[in-house]
Amino acid sequence: MAAGFFHQFSNLVSRGAGKPLTFAVACGLILLWAVSGPFFGFSETWQLVVNTATTIVTFLMVFVVQHTQNRDGEAVQAKLDDLIMALRHADNRLIGAEELTGHELHKLRKIIAERVENDEQTLEQIDSRMTDGS
C-alpha cells in the first residue's frame, strides 16, 4: 500500500518538477522572498525561512529523483534484455549483467572483447581473400 502510494506520488512529483511552469513558480517564490527582504530588515528569520524550505525540498526530492531513476533504469534494462534475446548471435550471459559483481563483470567484458577481436580478424581475412581474388 505505502509502496504504491509512494510510486504514484513520486511519478506525480517528478513529472511536475520537470515542467517549465514549476520552474517559473520556484523563480517567482525566490524573487518574492528577495523582494520581501527589506520589509523584514533582512533578518535572520527571513533568511531562515528560505534556507529551511530549500533544505526540506532538496532532501525530499533526493528520494523522489532516486525512485524515478531506479524505475527508469529497470525499464531500460528490461528493454535491453529483450533486445539481447532477440538477436541471434547475442551472448545471453549479458542478460542480468547489472547484477554481477565487479570481478564477474570484468571477466564478461574480457570475453566480449576477445570475441570482438576474433570477429575483426575474421573480417580482415575475408577482406584479404576478396582483395587477392580480384
Protein backbone atom coordinates (compact mmCIF):
# COMPACT_ATOMS: atom_id res chain seq x y z
CA MET A 1 0.00 0.00 0.00
CA ALA A 2 2.68 2.50 1.05
CA ALA A 3 4.93 1.49 -1.86
CA GLY A 4 2.09 2.03 -4.33
CA PHE A 5 1.32 5.43 -2.86
CA PHE A 6 4.98 6.45 -2.99
CA HIS A 7 5.25 5.23 -6.58
CA GLN A 8 2.24 7.31 -7.65
CA PHE A 9 3.37 10.30 -5.59
CA SER A 10 6.92 10.21 -6.98
CA ASN A 11 5.60 9.94 -10.54
CA LEU A 12 3.38 12.95 -9.98
CA VAL A 13 6.14 14.99 -8.35
CA SER A 14 8.82 14.08 -10.90
CA ARG A 15 6.53 14.94 -13.81
CA GLY A 16 5.50 18.20 -12.18
CA ALA A 17 9.03 19.17 -11.15
CA GLY A 18 10.26 18.91 -14.73
CA LYS A 19 7.76 21.37 -16.19
CA PRO A 20 8.65 24.95 -17.14
CA LEU A 21 5.73 26.27 -15.09
CA THR A 22 7.15 24.68 -11.94
CA PHE A 23 10.50 26.32 -12.60
CA ALA A 24 8.79 29.67 -13.16
CA VAL A 25 6.82 29.33 -9.90
CA ALA A 26 10.02 28.47 -8.00
CA CYS A 27 11.78 31.50 -9.50
CA GLY A 28 8.77 33.65 -8.60
CA LEU A 29 8.86 32.45 -4.99
CA ILE A 30 12.57 33.21 -4.71
CA LEU A 31 12.00 36.64 -6.24
CA LEU A 32 9.14 37.29 -3.81
CA TRP A 33 11.37 36.22 -0.93
CA ALA A 34 14.20 38.52 -2.11
CA VAL A 35 11.86 41.49 -2.61
CA SER A 36 10.37 40.97 0.86
CA GLY A 37 13.83 41.23 2.45
CA PRO A 38 13.75 45.00 3.05
CA PHE A 39 10.31 44.74 4.71
CA PHE A 40 11.71 42.25 7.23
CA GLY A 41 15.02 44.08 7.60
CA PHE A 42 16.90 41.13 6.09
CA SER A 43 16.53 39.44 9.48
CA GLU A 44 17.82 36.02 10.40
CA THR A 45 14.25 34.73 10.49
CA TRP A 46 13.73 35.98 6.94
CA GLN A 47 16.87 34.10 5.82
CA LEU A 48 15.95 31.03 7.85
CA VAL A 49 12.60 30.71 6.05
CA VAL A 50 14.16 30.18 2.62
CA ASN A 51 17.08 28.12 3.94
CA THR A 52 14.76 25.75 5.78
CA ALA A 53 12.32 25.46 2.88
CA THR A 54 15.02 24.74 0.30
CA THR A 55 16.71 22.22 2.59
CA ILE A 56 13.47 20.31 3.15
CA VAL A 57 12.51 20.34 -0.53
CA THR A 58 16.00 19.24 -1.59
CA PHE A 59 16.08 16.44 0.96
CA LEU A 60 12.70 15.07 -0.14
CA MET A 61 13.45 15.46 -3.85
CA VAL A 62 16.53 13.23 -3.47
CA PHE A 63 14.25 10.29 -2.73
CA VAL A 64 11.78 11.14 -5.48
CA VAL A 65 14.53 11.51 -8.08
CA GLN A 66 16.26 8.30 -6.95
CA HIS A 67 12.99 6.36 -7.18
CA THR A 68 12.39 7.74 -10.67
CA GLN A 69 15.93 6.86 -11.78
CA ASN A 70 15.64 3.34 -10.35
CA ARG A 71 12.38 2.77 -12.22
CA ASP A 72 13.75 4.21 -15.46
CA GLY A 73 16.92 2.13 -15.12
CA GLU A 74 14.91 -1.06 -14.65
CA ALA A 75 12.77 -0.23 -17.70
CA VAL A 76 15.85 0.38 -19.86
CA GLN A 77 17.43 -2.83 -18.57
CA ALA A 78 14.29 -4.82 -19.45
CA LYS A 79 14.30 -3.37 -22.96
CA LEU A 80 18.00 -4.16 -23.41
CA ASP A 81 17.45 -7.71 -22.15
CA ASP A 82 14.65 -8.12 -24.69
CA LEU A 83 16.91 -6.88 -27.50
CA ILE A 84 19.68 -9.26 -26.44
CA MET A 85 17.25 -12.18 -26.54
CA ALA A 86 16.01 -11.09 -29.97
CA LEU A 87 19.48 -11.07 -31.54
CA ARG A 88 20.60 -14.43 -32.84
CA HIS A 89 24.32 -14.00 -32.16
CA ALA A 90 23.98 -12.09 -28.90
CA ASP A 91 25.55 -13.50 -25.76
CA ASN A 92 22.70 -14.30 -23.38
CA ARG A 93 25.12 -14.04 -20.46
CA LEU A 94 24.67 -10.28 -20.84
CA ILE A 95 21.11 -10.57 -19.61
CA GLY A 96 21.21 -9.54 -15.98
CA ALA A 97 24.80 -8.28 -16.24
CA GLU A 98 23.86 -5.35 -14.00
CA GLU A 99 23.55 -7.86 -11.13
CA LEU A 100 27.12 -9.20 -11.49
CA THR A 101 29.95 -8.36 -9.13
CA GLY A 102 32.71 -6.09 -10.39
CA HIS A 103 35.04 -9.07 -10.91
CA GLU A 104 32.40 -11.07 -12.81
CA LEU A 105 31.60 -8.06 -14.98
CA HIS A 106 35.29 -7.54 -15.75
CA LYS A 107 35.60 -11.20 -16.85
CA LEU A 108 32.50 -10.88 -19.02
CA ARG A 109 33.82 -7.71 -20.68
CA LYS A 110 37.13 -9.51 -21.36
CA ILE A 111 35.29 -12.41 -23.04
CA ILE A 112 33.32 -9.98 -25.20
CA ALA A 113 36.49 -8.06 -26.13
CA GLU A 114 38.13 -11.34 -27.22
CA ARG A 115 35.07 -12.18 -29.30
CA VAL A 116 35.19 -8.77 -30.97
CA GLU A 117 38.89 -9.22 -31.70
CA ASN A 118 38.23 -12.65 -33.24
CA ASP A 119 35.40 -11.19 -35.34
CA GLU A 120 37.71 -8.40 -36.55
CA GLN A 121 40.39 -10.94 -37.51
CA THR A 122 37.78 -12.95 -39.41
CA LEU A 123 36.64 -9.83 -41.26
CA GLU A 124 40.26 -8.97 -42.12
CA GLN A 125 40.76 -12.49 -43.51
CA ILE A 126 37.62 -12.17 -45.62
CA ASP A 127 38.75 -8.74 -46.86
CA SER A 128 42.19 -10.05 -47.80
CA ARG A 129 40.67 -13.02 -49.67
CA MET A 130 38.34 -10.71 -51.56
CA THR A 131 41.23 -8.38 -52.45
CA ASP A 132 43.52 -11.26 -53.50
CA GLY A 133 40.78 -12.82 -55.57
CA SER A 134 40.10 -9.72 -57.69
